[in-house]
Amino acid sequence: MDSLSPPEPPRSEQDVVLGPPPPVRRIVIDRDPTVVAPPAANGNAPQARAGALGLASSLRRPEPSPGPKVERMRTESVSIAYGEKPAVSGVTLPVRQGEVLALIGPSGCGKTTLLRSLNRLVEITPTATRSGRITLDGEDIDRMEVTALRRRVSMVFQQPNPFPTMSIYDNVAAAARFNGVVRGRSQTDDLVESCLTRAALWSEVKDTLGKSGASLSGGQQQRLCIARALAVNPEVILMDEPCSALDPLATLQIEQLARELTEQYSIVIVTHNMQQAARVSDETIFMSVDEERAGYVVETGSTAEIFTNPKNTITEDYITGRFG
């Protein structure tokens, strides 16, 4: 058996022979490039100052109606705790007709808890306690029958949750029947078509209404849930991160739908997506949490102002990704 050859001594840098360098690719153009300006919301987007996150909107935004907005809901100094653990601290905010209000902020700052308090869903948690006042059209929601309240203030959850044992048709019709909104097949047919149309789903499912709601894609299921919420004739729609489980195309469809629904409803949306908040909302509330306080409001104002000219450095750090 041949003996192993001794290893070669390491080469010095001078001994290393380098191959030829890779070719350099050059792009030659025979004219100056065309500079395309970013699109502006309603053709009148404000300029972002340095350090702020100025995001133009690609959604079709209806022109805002002149005059002051009608306030539909209001929280006044609302604080919420789970047992001994505070979750929301003294939040005051308005919910206006014809607007999308976005709640943004880091995880754990109480956004979803605050959202769920607007139709008293937070009460489902046995340890939850709430102080402060919440009104719907000036009436204290604590004095309202809870089913009636939730019919007027509907919730669309983070994960699409169609009734899996019901058809697409019955997913929309069931809540309306239960609440006495419709009577008879003809009236129900009209309502189902109307709600699915407003939810931008009718053209996709009109020939398969008897199929299970669970057979739809994720984006279609979420639009089905929105159609189901519309079936009880709500006045305010709450959306808890409705696009977090959806792909970009389905997300765009939900965002566009939210903009179109503002023509008839007030919408409050919780989102961790800053681009989404900038695209879809009219007003934004930035919440945060620190060692001394549970979820509290850092800054509130028009979305254009919050995203292009925030007054608080914490807000600017969050929307530009330096915090949270």
C-alpha atoms as a PDB file:
ATOM      1  CA  MET A   1       0.000   0.000   0.000  1.00  0.00           C
ATOM      2  CA  ASP A   2       1.352   3.392  -1.003  1.00  0.00           C
ATOM      3  CA  SER A   3       2.183   5.743   1.796  1.00  0.00           C
ATOM      4  CA  LEU A   4       0.327   9.026   2.002  1.00  0.00           C
ATOM      5  CA  SER A   5       2.080  12.001   0.496  1.00  0.00           C
ATOM      6  CA  PRO A   6       2.922  14.765   2.938  1.00  0.00           C
ATOM      7  CA  PRO A   7       0.672  17.807   2.661  1.00  0.00           C
ATOM      8  CA  GLU A   8       1.941  20.662   0.573  1.00  0.00           C
ATOM      9  CA  PRO A   9       3.117  23.661   2.519  1.00  0.00           C
ATOM     10  CA  PRO A  10       0.679  26.578   2.520  1.00  0.00           C
ATOM     11  CA  ARG A  11       1.139  29.015  -0.299  1.00  0.00           C
ATOM     12  CA  SER A  12       2.101  32.535   0.375  1.00  0.00           C
ATOM     13  CA  GLU A  13      -0.045  35.343  -0.999  1.00  0.00           C
ATOM     14  CA  GLN A  14       2.503  35.854  -3.741  1.00  0.00           C
ATOM     15  CA  ASP A  15       2.096  32.221  -4.850  1.00  0.00           C
ATOM     16  CA  VAL A  16      -1.687  32.430  -5.258  1.00  0.00           C
ATOM     17  CA  VAL A  17      -2.615  32.814  -8.893  1.00  0.00           C
ATOM     18  CA  LEU A  18      -5.837  34.768  -9.308  1.00  0.00           C
ATOM     19  CA  GLY A  19      -8.127  34.206 -12.247  1.00  0.00           C
ATOM     20  CA  PRO A  20      -9.398  37.023 -14.408  1.00  0.00           C
ATOM     21  CA  PRO A  21     -12.020  39.282 -12.765  1.00  0.00           C
ATOM     22  CA  PRO A  22     -15.649  38.826 -13.768  1.00  0.00           C
ATOM     23  CA  PRO A  23     -16.815  41.021 -16.622  1.00  0.00           C
ATOM     24  CA  VAL A  24     -18.326  44.364 -15.718  1.00  0.00           C
ATOM     25  CA  ARG A  25     -21.883  44.804 -17.003  1.00  0.00           C
ATOM     26  CA  ARG A  26     -22.756  48.299 -18.074  1.00  0.00           C
ATOM     27  CA  ILE A  27     -26.235  49.522 -18.973  1.00  0.00           C
ATOM     28  CA  VAL A  28     -26.212  52.174 -21.657  1.00  0.00           C
ATOM     29  CA  ILE A  29     -29.287  54.290 -22.376  1.00  0.00           C
ATOM     30  CA  ASP A  30     -29.643  56.703 -25.234  1.00  0.00           C
ATOM     31  CA  ARG A  31     -31.879  59.156 -23.343  1.00  0.00           C
ATOM     32  CA  ASP A  32     -32.485  60.420 -19.846  1.00  0.00           C
ATOM     33  CA  PRO A  33     -34.719  58.223 -17.691  1.00  0.00           C
ATOM     34  CA  THR A  34     -38.304  59.330 -17.095  1.00  0.00           C
ATOM     35  CA  VAL A  35     -38.922  60.311 -13.503  1.00  0.00           C
ATOM     36  CA  VAL A  36     -42.360  59.203 -12.292  1.00  0.00           C
ATOM     37  CA  ALA A  37     -43.853  61.080  -9.355  1.00  0.00           C
ATOM     38  CA  PRO A  38     -45.455  58.935  -6.642  1.00  0.00           C
ATOM     39  CA  PRO A  39     -49.277  58.809  -6.730  1.00  0.00           C
ATOM     40  CA  ALA A  40     -51.095  61.086  -4.319  1.00  0.00           C
ATOM     41  CA  ALA A  41     -54.264  60.395  -2.358  1.00  0.00           C
ATOM     42  CA  ASN A  42     -57.000  62.528  -3.977  1.00  0.00           C
ATOM     43  CA  GLY A  43     -54.200  64.251  -5.884  1.00  0.00           C
ATOM     44  CA  ASN A  44     -53.289  66.276  -2.837  1.00  0.00           C
ATOM     45  CA  ALA A  45     -51.010  64.249  -0.575  1.00  0.00           C
ATOM     46  CA  PRO A  46     -48.843  66.284   1.810  1.00  0.00           C
ATOM     47  CA  GLN A  47     -45.078  66.121   1.520  1.00  0.00           C
ATOM     48  CA  ALA A  48     -43.377  63.961   4.117  1.00  0.00           C
ATOM     49  CA  ARG A  49     -40.686  65.645   6.150  1.00  0.00           C
ATOM     50  CA  ALA A  50     -37.366  63.933   6.819  1.00  0.00           C
ATOM     51  CA  GLY A  51     -37.687  60.936   9.094  1.00  0.00           C
ATOM     52  CA  ALA A  52     -41.447  60.545   8.643  1.00  0.00           C
ATOM     53  CA  LEU A  53     -43.133  57.762   6.732  1.00  0.00           C
ATOM     54  CA  GLY A  54     -44.955  59.415   3.843  1.00  0.00           C
ATOM     55  CA  LEU A  55     -47.007  56.753   2.071  1.00  0.00           C
ATOM     56  CA  ALA A  56     -49.147  57.478  -0.949  1.00  0.00           C
ATOM     57  CA  SER A  57     -52.382  55.544  -1.339  1.00  0.00           C
ATOM     58  CA  SER A  58     -53.195  53.305  -4.296  1.00  0.00           C
ATOM     59  CA  LEU A  59     -56.781  52.805  -3.119  1.00  0.00           C
ATOM     60  CA  ARG A  60     -59.742  54.518  -4.716  1.00  0.00           C
ATOM     61  CA  ARG A  61     -60.637  57.031  -2.042  1.00  0.00           C
ATOM     62  CA  PRO A  62     -63.980  58.835  -2.301  1.00  0.00           C
ATOM     63  CA  GLU A  63     -63.805  62.583  -1.937  1.00  0.00           C
ATOM     64  CA  PRO A  64     -64.408  63.553   1.707  1.00  0.00           C
ATOM     65  CA  SER A  65     -67.802  65.096   2.335  1.00  0.00           C
ATOM     66  CA  PRO A  66     -67.755  68.775   3.291  1.00  0.00           C
ATOM     67  CA  GLY A  67     -68.626  69.897   6.798  1.00  0.00           C
ATOM     68  CA  PRO A  68     -68.032  68.286  10.181  1.00  0.00           C
ATOM     69  CA  LYS A  69     -68.301  64.519  10.582  1.00  0.00           C
ATOM     70  CA  VAL A  70     -71.090  63.074  12.729  1.00  0.00           C
ATOM     71  CA  GLU A  71     -69.736  61.328  15.826  1.00  0.00           C
ATOM     72  CA  ARG A  72     -71.264  57.854  16.145  1.00  0.00           C
ATOM     73  CA  MET A  73     -69.292  56.426  19.081  1.00  0.00           C
ATOM     74  CA  ARG A  74     -67.075  57.882  21.766  1.00  0.00           C
ATOM     75  CA  THR A  75     -64.931  56.522  24.577  1.00  0.00           C
ATOM     76  CA  GLU A  76     -64.262  58.769  27.544  1.00  0.00           C
ATOM     77  CA  SER A  77     -61.379  57.912  29.913  1.00  0.00           C
ATOM     78  CA  VAL A  78     -61.799  54.189  29.297  1.00  0.00           C
ATOM     79  CA  SER A  79     -59.509  51.928  31.343  1.00  0.00           C
ATOM     80  CA  ILE A  80     -59.563  48.133  31.185  1.00  0.00           C
ATOM     81  CA  ALA A  81     -57.822  45.519  33.292  1.00  0.00           C
ATOM     82  CA  TYR A  82     -57.638  41.731  33.370  1.00  0.00           C
ATOM     83  CA  GLY A  83     -57.608  40.876  37.041  1.00  0.00           C
ATOM     84  CA  GLU A  84     -54.792  42.923  38.568  1.00  0.00           C
ATOM     85  CA  LYS A  85     -53.117  43.592  35.213  1.00  0.00           C
ATOM     86  CA  PRO A  86     -54.027  46.894  33.502  1.00  0.00           C
ATOM     87  CA  ALA A  87     -54.426  46.701  29.734  1.00  0.00           C
ATOM     88  CA  VAL A  88     -55.823  50.109  28.704  1.00  0.00           C
ATOM     89  CA  SER A  89     -55.336  53.402  30.546  1.00  0.00           C
ATOM     90  CA  GLY A  90     -57.730  56.347  30.230  1.00  0.00           C
ATOM     91  CA  VAL A  91     -58.384  56.337  26.479  1.00  0.00           C
ATOM     92  CA  THR A  92     -60.666  58.944  24.922  1.00  0.00           C
ATOM     93  CA  LEU A  93     -61.428  58.682  21.217  1.00  0.00           C
ATOM     94  CA  PRO A  94     -64.177  59.509  18.697  1.00  0.00           C
ATOM     95  CA  VAL A  95     -65.592  57.227  15.998  1.00  0.00           C
ATOM     96  CA  ARG A  96     -67.081  59.322  13.199  1.00  0.00           C
ATOM     97  CA  GLN A  97     -69.527  58.489  10.435  1.00  0.00           C
ATOM     98  CA  GLY A  98     -67.959  57.862   7.040  1.00  0.00           C
ATOM     99  CA  GLU A  99     -64.418  57.402   8.331  1.00  0.00           C
ATOM    100  CA  VAL A 100     -61.950  54.591   8.934  1.00  0.00           C
ATOM    101  CA  LEU A 101     -60.245  54.981  12.301  1.00  0.00           C
ATOM    102  CA  ALA A 102     -57.001  52.982  12.631  1.00  0.00           C
ATOM    103  CA  LEU A 103     -55.620  51.856  15.983  1.00  0.00           C
ATOM    104  CA  ILE A 104     -51.875  51.245  15.726  1.00  0.00           C
ATOM    105  CA  GLY A 105     -49.156  50.493  18.235  1.00  0.00           C
ATOM    106  CA  PRO A 106     -46.829  47.742  19.477  1.00  0.00           C
ATOM    107  CA  SER A 107     -48.107  44.363  20.629  1.00  0.00           C
ATOM    108  CA  GLY A 108     -49.546  44.440  24.124  1.00  0.00           C
ATOM    109  CA  CYS A 109     -50.591  48.086  24.069  1.00  0.00           C
ATOM    110  CA  GLY A 110     -54.309  47.265  24.347  1.00  0.00           C
ATOM    111  CA  LYS A 111     -55.520  47.936  20.795  1.00  0.00           C
ATOM    112  CA  THR A 112     -57.627  44.791  20.466  1.00  0.00           C
ATOM    113  CA  THR A 113     -58.860  45.065  24.048  1.00  0.00           C
ATOM    114  CA  LEU A 114     -60.044  48.613  23.345  1.00  0.00           C
ATOM    115  CA  LEU A 115     -61.657  47.524  20.075  1.00  0.00           C
ATOM    116  CA  ARG A 116     -63.523  44.669  21.770  1.00  0.00           C
ATOM    117  CA  SER A 117     -64.833  47.032  24.432  1.00  0.00           C
ATOM    118  CA  LEU A 118     -66.763  48.990  21.790  1.00  0.00           C
ATOM    119  CA  ASN A 119     -69.393  46.249  21.556  1.00  0.00           C
ATOM    120  CA  ARG A 120     -68.754  44.776  25.015  1.00  0.00           C
ATOM    121  CA  LEU A 121     -67.027  41.638  23.751  1.00  0.00           C
ATOM    122  CA  VAL A 122     -64.340  42.244  26.353  1.00  0.00           C
ATOM    123  CA  GLU A 123     -66.931  41.224  28.953  1.00  0.00           C
ATOM    124  CA  ILE A 124     -66.651  37.630  27.749  1.00  0.00           C
ATOM    125  CA  THR A 125     -63.360  37.381  29.674  1.00  0.00           C
ATOM    126  CA  PRO A 126     -64.405  36.689  33.293  1.00  0.00           C
ATOM    127  CA  THR A 127     -61.529  38.666  34.873  1.00  0.00           C
ATOM    128  CA  ALA A 128     -62.018  41.764  32.714  1.00  0.00           C
ATOM    129  CA  THR A 129     -63.122  45.032  34.326  1.00  0.00           C
ATOM    130  CA  ARG A 130     -63.746  48.365  32.649  1.00  0.00           C
ATOM    131  CA  SER A 131     -64.158  51.925  33.824  1.00  0.00           C
ATOM    132  CA  GLY A 132     -64.995  55.047  31.873  1.00  0.00           C
ATOM    133  CA  ARG A 133     -67.867  55.658  29.497  1.00  0.00           C
ATOM    134  CA  ILE A 134     -68.584  54.436  25.953  1.00  0.00           C
ATOM    135  CA  THR A 135     -71.495  55.866  23.972  1.00  0.00           C
ATOM    136  CA  LEU A 136     -73.246  55.017  20.721  1.00  0.00           C
ATOM    137  CA  ASP A 137     -75.148  57.986  19.324  1.00  0.00           C
ATOM    138  CA  GLY A 138     -74.918  59.552  22.781  1.00  0.00           C
ATOM    139  CA  GLU A 139     -76.371  56.521  24.611  1.00  0.00           C
ATOM    140  CA  ASP A 140     -74.274  54.693  27.195  1.00  0.00           C
ATOM    141  CA  ILE A 141     -73.643  51.193  25.818  1.00  0.00           C
ATOM    142  CA  ASP A 142     -73.720  49.729  29.340  1.00  0.00           C
ATOM    143  CA  ARG A 143     -77.440  50.552  29.428  1.00  0.00           C
ATOM    144  CA  MET A 144     -78.128  48.834  26.114  1.00  0.00           C
ATOM    145  CA  GLU A 145     -79.197  45.220  25.661  1.00  0.00           C
ATOM    146  CA  VAL A 146     -75.979  43.516  24.588  1.00  0.00           C
ATOM    147  CA  THR A 147     -77.435  41.632  21.589  1.00  0.00           C
ATOM    148  CA  ALA A 148     -78.951  44.833  20.245  1.00  0.00           C
ATOM    149  CA  LEU A 149     -75.607  46.582  20.716  1.00  0.00           C
ATOM    150  CA  ARG A 150     -73.692  43.899  18.842  1.00  0.00           C
ATOM    151  CA  ARG A 151     -76.214  44.052  16.018  1.00  0.00           C
ATOM    152  CA  ARG A 152     -75.449  47.762  15.634  1.00  0.00           C
ATOM    153  CA  VAL A 153     -71.675  47.397  16.229  1.00  0.00           C
ATOM    154  CA  SER A 154     -70.457  44.307  14.348  1.00  0.00           C
ATOM    155  CA  MET A 155     -67.063  42.623  14.625  1.00  0.00           C
ATOM    156  CA  VAL A 156     -64.871  41.098  11.900  1.00  0.00           C
ATOM    157  CA  PHE A 157     -62.181  38.985  13.530  1.00  0.00           C
ATOM    158  CA  GLN A 158     -58.527  38.415  12.707  1.00  0.00           C
ATOM    159  CA  GLN A 159     -59.032  34.877  11.438  1.00  0.00           C
ATOM    160  CA  PRO A 160     -61.898  34.336   8.972  1.00  0.00           C
ATOM    161  CA  ASN A 161     -64.548  32.349  10.818  1.00  0.00           C
ATOM    162  CA  PRO A 162     -67.423  31.359   8.499  1.00  0.00           C
ATOM    163  CA  PHE A 163     -69.841  28.829   9.949  1.00  0.00           C
ATOM    164  CA  PRO A 164     -68.228  25.624   8.580  1.00  0.00           C
ATOM    165  CA  THR A 165     -71.408  23.539   8.514  1.00  0.00           C
ATOM    166  CA  MET A 166     -73.405  26.202   6.661  1.00  0.00           C
ATOM    167  CA  SER A 167     -73.508  27.079   2.990  1.00  0.00           C
ATOM    168  CA  ILE A 168     -72.303  30.405   1.655  1.00  0.00           C
ATOM    169  CA  TYR A 169     -75.956  31.447   1.389  1.00  0.00           C
ATOM    170  CA  ASP A 170     -76.818  30.470   4.959  1.00  0.00           C
ATOM    171  CA  ASN A 171     -73.683  32.090   6.383  1.00  0.00           C
ATOM    172  CA  VAL A 172     -75.138  35.427   5.296  1.00  0.00           C
ATOM    173  CA  ALA A 173     -78.800  34.623   5.925  1.00  0.00           C
ATOM    174  CA  ALA A 174     -78.509  33.026   9.365  1.00  0.00           C
ATOM    175  CA  ALA A 175     -77.756  36.162  11.382  1.00  0.00           C
ATOM    176  CA  ALA A 176     -80.381  38.158   9.491  1.00  0.00           C
ATOM    177  CA  ARG A 177     -83.018  35.507  10.158  1.00  0.00           C
ATOM    178  CA  PHE A 178     -82.070  35.270  13.828  1.00  0.00           C
ATOM    179  CA  ASN A 179     -82.388  39.017  14.266  1.00  0.00           C
ATOM    180  CA  GLY A 180     -85.626  39.271  12.334  1.00  0.00           C
ATOM    181  CA  VAL A 181     -84.122  41.395   9.572  1.00  0.00           C
ATOM    182  CA  VAL A 182     -85.732  39.309   6.813  1.00  0.00           C
ATOM    183  CA  ARG A 183     -88.885  37.238   6.427  1.00  0.00           C
ATOM    184  CA  GLY A 184     -89.561  34.853   3.557  1.00  0.00           C
ATOM    185  CA  ARG A 185     -87.335  33.382   0.854  1.00  0.00           C
ATOM    186  CA  SER A 186     -87.605  36.237  -1.612  1.00  0.00           C
ATOM    187  CA  GLN A 187     -86.569  38.849   0.937  1.00  0.00           C
ATOM    188  CA  THR A 188     -83.718  36.630   2.129  1.00  0.00           C
ATOM    189  CA  ASP A 189     -82.513  36.076  -1.449  1.00  0.00           C
ATOM    190  CA  ASP A 190     -82.379  39.829  -2.018  1.00  0.00           C
ATOM    191  CA  LEU A 191     -80.497  40.412   1.224  1.00  0.00           C
ATOM    192  CA  VAL A 192     -77.914  37.693   0.525  1.00  0.00           C
ATOM    193  CA  GLU A 193     -77.235  39.064  -2.945  1.00  0.00           C
ATOM    194  CA  SER A 194     -77.037  42.636  -1.636  1.00  0.00           C
ATOM    195  CA  CYS A 195     -74.592  41.784   1.181  1.00  0.00           C
ATOM    196  CA  LEU A 196     -72.375  39.621  -1.000  1.00  0.00           C
ATOM    197  CA  THR A 197     -72.333  42.380  -3.623  1.00  0.00           C
ATOM    198  CA  ARG A 198     -71.348  45.020  -1.073  1.00  0.00           C
ATOM    199  CA  ALA A 199     -68.644  42.651   0.181  1.00  0.00           C
ATOM    200  CA  ALA A 200     -67.309  42.325  -3.399  1.00  0.00           C
ATOM    201  CA  LEU A 201     -67.974  38.576  -3.410  1.00  0.00           C
ATOM    202  CA  TRP A 202     -71.216  38.060  -5.338  1.00  0.00           C
ATOM    203  CA  SER A 203     -69.659  37.664  -8.799  1.00  0.00           C
ATOM    204  CA  GLU A 204     -67.314  34.963  -7.449  1.00  0.00           C
ATOM    205  CA  VAL A 205     -69.870  32.819  -5.604  1.00  0.00           C
ATOM    206  CA  LYS A 206     -73.278  33.473  -7.197  1.00  0.00           C
ATOM    207  CA  ASP A 207     -73.219  30.088  -8.932  1.00  0.00           C
ATOM    208  CA  THR A 208     -72.020  28.123  -5.872  1.00  0.00           C
ATOM    209  CA  LEU A 209     -74.130  29.531  -3.024  1.00  0.00           C
ATOM    210  CA  GLY A 210     -74.911  26.010  -1.805  1.00  0.00           C
ATOM    211  CA  LYS A 211     -71.260  25.156  -1.163  1.00  0.00           C
ATOM    212  CA  SER A 212     -69.791  25.311   2.339  1.00  0.00           C
ATOM    213  CA  GLY A 213     -68.453  28.687   3.417  1.00  0.00           C
ATOM    214  CA  ALA A 214     -65.314  26.864   4.563  1.00  0.00           C
ATOM    215  CA  SER A 215     -64.603  25.816   0.961  1.00  0.00           C
ATOM    216  CA  LEU A 216     -63.665  29.362  -0.022  1.00  0.00           C
ATOM    217  CA  SER A 217     -60.151  30.799  -0.059  1.00  0.00           C
ATOM    218  CA  GLY A 218     -58.941  32.806   2.932  1.00  0.00           C
ATOM    219  CA  GLY A 219     -59.654  36.167   1.317  1.00  0.00           C
ATOM    220  CA  GLN A 220     -63.081  35.025   0.168  1.00  0.00           C
ATOM    221  CA  GLN A 221     -63.874  33.711   3.645  1.00  0.00           C
ATOM    222  CA  GLN A 222     -63.012  37.081   5.164  1.00  0.00           C
ATOM    223  CA  ARG A 223     -65.242  38.879   2.674  1.00  0.00           C
ATOM    224  CA  LEU A 224     -67.976  36.353   3.483  1.00  0.00           C
ATOM    225  CA  CYS A 225     -67.604  37.253   7.159  1.00  0.00           C
ATOM    226  CA  ILE A 226     -67.910  40.929   6.244  1.00  0.00           C
ATOM    227  CA  ALA A 227     -71.064  40.128   4.229  1.00  0.00           C
ATOM    228  CA  ARG A 228     -72.413  38.276   7.269  1.00  0.00           C
ATOM    229  CA  ALA A 229     -71.710  41.327   9.440  1.00  0.00           C
ATOM    230  CA  LEU A 230     -73.499  43.582   6.943  1.00  0.00           C
ATOM    231  CA  ALA A 231     -76.566  41.328   6.965  1.00  0.00           C
ATOM    232  CA  VAL A 232     -77.753  42.646  10.347  1.00  0.00           C
ATOM    233  CA  ASN A 233     -77.648  46.297   9.190  1.00  0.00           C
ATOM    234  CA  PRO A 234     -74.886  47.523  11.532  1.00  0.00           C
ATOM    235  CA  GLU A 235     -73.887  51.137  11.991  1.00  0.00           C
ATOM    236  CA  VAL A 236     -70.272  50.589  13.072  1.00  0.00           C
ATOM    237  CA  ILE A 237     -67.942  47.810  11.875  1.00  0.00           C
ATOM    238  CA  LEU A 238     -64.974  46.742  14.011  1.00  0.00           C
ATOM    239  CA  MET A 239     -62.083  44.996  12.237  1.00  0.00           C
ATOM    240  CA  ASP A 240     -59.394  43.248  14.274  1.00  0.00           C
ATOM    241  CA  GLU A 241     -56.384  42.816  11.951  1.00  0.00           C
ATOM    242  CA  PRO A 242     -58.662  41.490   9.188  1.00  0.00           C
ATOM    243  CA  CYS A 243     -55.803  40.969   6.700  1.00  0.00           C
ATOM    244  CA  SER A 244     -53.133  39.407   8.905  1.00  0.00           C
ATOM    245  CA  ALA A 245     -53.751  35.903   7.505  1.00  0.00           C
ATOM    246  CA  LEU A 246     -54.255  36.976   3.882  1.00  0.00           C
ATOM    247  CA  ASP A 247     -52.003  37.279   0.841  1.00  0.00           C
ATOM    248  CA  PRO A 248     -51.301  40.708  -0.725  1.00  0.00           C
ATOM    249  CA  LEU A 249     -54.052  40.436  -3.358  1.00  0.00           C
ATOM    250  CA  ALA A 250     -56.713  39.453  -0.818  1.00  0.00           C
ATOM    251  CA  THR A 251     -55.420  42.202   1.485  1.00  0.00           C
ATOM    252  CA  LEU A 252     -55.890  44.809  -1.236  1.00  0.00           C
ATOM    253  CA  GLN A 253     -59.454  43.585  -1.808  1.00  0.00           C
ATOM    254  CA  ILE A 254     -60.308  43.924   1.886  1.00  0.00           C
ATOM    255  CA  GLU A 255     -58.693  47.362   2.084  1.00  0.00           C
ATOM    256  CA  GLN A 256     -60.614  48.579  -0.962  1.00  0.00           C
ATOM    257  CA  LEU A 257     -63.800  47.132   0.499  1.00  0.00           C
ATOM    258  CA  ALA A 258     -63.214  48.998   3.760  1.00  0.00           C
ATOM    259  CA  ARG A 259     -62.826  52.263   1.852  1.00  0.00           C
ATOM    260  CA  GLU A 260     -66.040  51.664  -0.081  1.00  0.00           C
ATOM    261  CA  LEU A 261     -67.987  50.764   3.063  1.00  0.00           C
ATOM    262  CA  THR A 262     -67.215  54.172   4.590  1.00  0.00           C
ATOM    263  CA  GLU A 263     -69.889  55.599   2.329  1.00  0.00           C
ATOM    264  CA  GLN A 264     -72.419  53.984   4.670  1.00  0.00           C
ATOM    265  CA  TYR A 265     -70.641  52.882   7.871  1.00  0.00           C
ATOM    266  CA  SER A 266     -68.121  53.917  10.491  1.00  0.00           C
ATOM    267  CA  ILE A 267     -65.134  51.559  10.625  1.00  0.00           C
ATOM    268  CA  VAL A 268     -62.535  50.995  13.338  1.00  0.00           C
ATOM    269  CA  ILE A 269     -59.579  48.825  12.354  1.00  0.00           C
ATOM    270  CA  VAL A 270     -56.695  47.435  14.398  1.00  0.00           C
ATOM    271  CA  THR A 271     -53.584  46.800  12.314  1.00  0.00           C
ATOM    272  CA  HIS A 272     -49.870  46.185  12.779  1.00  0.00           C
ATOM    273  CA  ASN A 273     -49.262  47.021   9.123  1.00  0.00           C
ATOM    274  CA  MET A 274     -48.193  50.665   8.862  1.00  0.00           C
ATOM    275  CA  GLN A 275     -48.639  50.764   5.092  1.00  0.00           C
ATOM    276  CA  GLN A 276     -52.167  49.439   5.515  1.00  0.00           C
ATOM    277  CA  ALA A 277     -53.027  52.042   8.132  1.00  0.00           C
ATOM    278  CA  ALA A 278     -51.678  54.777   5.859  1.00  0.00           C
ATOM    279  CA  ARG A 279     -53.616  53.472   2.850  1.00  0.00           C
ATOM    280  CA  VAL A 280     -56.994  52.718   4.350  1.00  0.00           C
ATOM    281  CA  SER A 281     -57.648  55.068   7.294  1.00  0.00           C
ATOM    282  CA  ASP A 282     -58.753  58.671   7.633  1.00  0.00           C
ATOM    283  CA  GLU A 283     -57.842  59.070  11.311  1.00  0.00           C
ATOM    284  CA  THR A 284     -55.141  57.269  13.277  1.00  0.00           C
ATOM    285  CA  ILE A 285     -54.621  56.707  16.992  1.00  0.00           C
ATOM    286  CA  PHE A 286     -51.173  55.573  18.087  1.00  0.00           C
ATOM    287  CA  MET A 287     -51.127  53.677  21.375  1.00  0.00           C
ATOM    288  CA  SER A 288     -48.135  52.493  23.367  1.00  0.00           C
ATOM    289  CA  VAL A 289     -47.183  50.902  26.679  1.00  0.00           C
ATOM    290  CA  ASP A 290     -44.307  51.462  29.081  1.00  0.00           C
ATOM    291  CA  GLU A 291     -43.179  50.440  32.545  1.00  0.00           C
ATOM    292  CA  GLU A 292     -45.407  53.017  34.214  1.00  0.00           C
ATOM    293  CA  ARG A 293     -48.564  52.827  32.109  1.00  0.00           C
ATOM    294  CA  ALA A 294     -50.605  50.202  30.323  1.00  0.00           C
ATOM    295  CA  GLY A 295     -51.997  50.965  26.867  1.00  0.00           C
ATOM    296  CA  TYR A 296     -52.339  54.722  26.505  1.00  0.00           C
ATOM    297  CA  VAL A 297     -52.772  57.142  23.611  1.00  0.00           C
ATOM    298  CA  VAL A 298     -49.519  58.762  22.521  1.00  0.00           C
ATOM    299  CA  GLU A 299     -50.906  60.723  19.593  1.00  0.00           C
ATOM    300  CA  THR A 300     -54.083  61.050  17.593  1.00  0.00           C
ATOM    301  CA  GLY A 301     -54.936  62.947  14.443  1.00  0.00           C
ATOM    302  CA  SER A 302     -55.549  62.672  10.715  1.00  0.00           C
ATOM    303  CA  THR A 303     -53.658  59.836   9.075  1.00  0.00           C
ATOM    304  CA  ALA A 304     -51.911  62.283   6.750  1.00  0.00           C
ATOM    305  CA  GLU A 305     -50.580  64.226   9.742  1.00  0.00           C
ATOM    306  CA  ILE A 306     -49.612  61.175  11.793  1.00  0.00           C
ATOM    307  CA  PHE A 307     -47.660  59.594   8.929  1.00  0.00           C
ATOM    308  CA  THR A 308     -46.056  62.708   7.436  1.00  0.00           C
ATOM    309  CA  ASN A 309     -45.678  65.093  10.346  1.00  0.00           C
ATOM    310  CA  PRO A 310     -45.971  63.274  13.699  1.00  0.00           C
ATOM    311  CA  LYS A 311     -45.743  65.555  16.703  1.00  0.00           C
ATOM    312  CA  ASN A 312     -44.286  62.965  19.074  1.00  0.00           C
ATOM    313  CA  THR A 313     -40.870  61.376  18.547  1.00  0.00           C
ATOM    314  CA  ILE A 314     -42.219  58.047  19.856  1.00  0.00           C
ATOM    315  CA  THR A 315     -44.809  58.087  17.073  1.00  0.00           C
ATOM    316  CA  GLU A 316     -42.191  58.845  14.442  1.00  0.00           C
ATOM    317  CA  ASP A 317     -39.882  56.118  15.744  1.00  0.00           C
ATOM    318  CA  TYR A 318     -42.715  53.581  15.574  1.00  0.00           C
ATOM    319  CA  ILE A 319     -44.033  54.328  12.109  1.00  0.00           C
ATOM    320  CA  THR A 320     -40.524  54.439  10.654  1.00  0.00           C
ATOM    321  CA  GLY A 321     -39.579  51.105  12.230  1.00  0.00           C
ATOM    322  CA  ARG A 322     -37.086  52.329  14.816  1.00  0.00           C
ATOM    323  CA  PHE A 323     -39.310  51.231  17.698  1.00  0.00           C
ATOM    324  CA  GLY A 324     -41.820  48.437  18.275  1.00  0.00           C
END
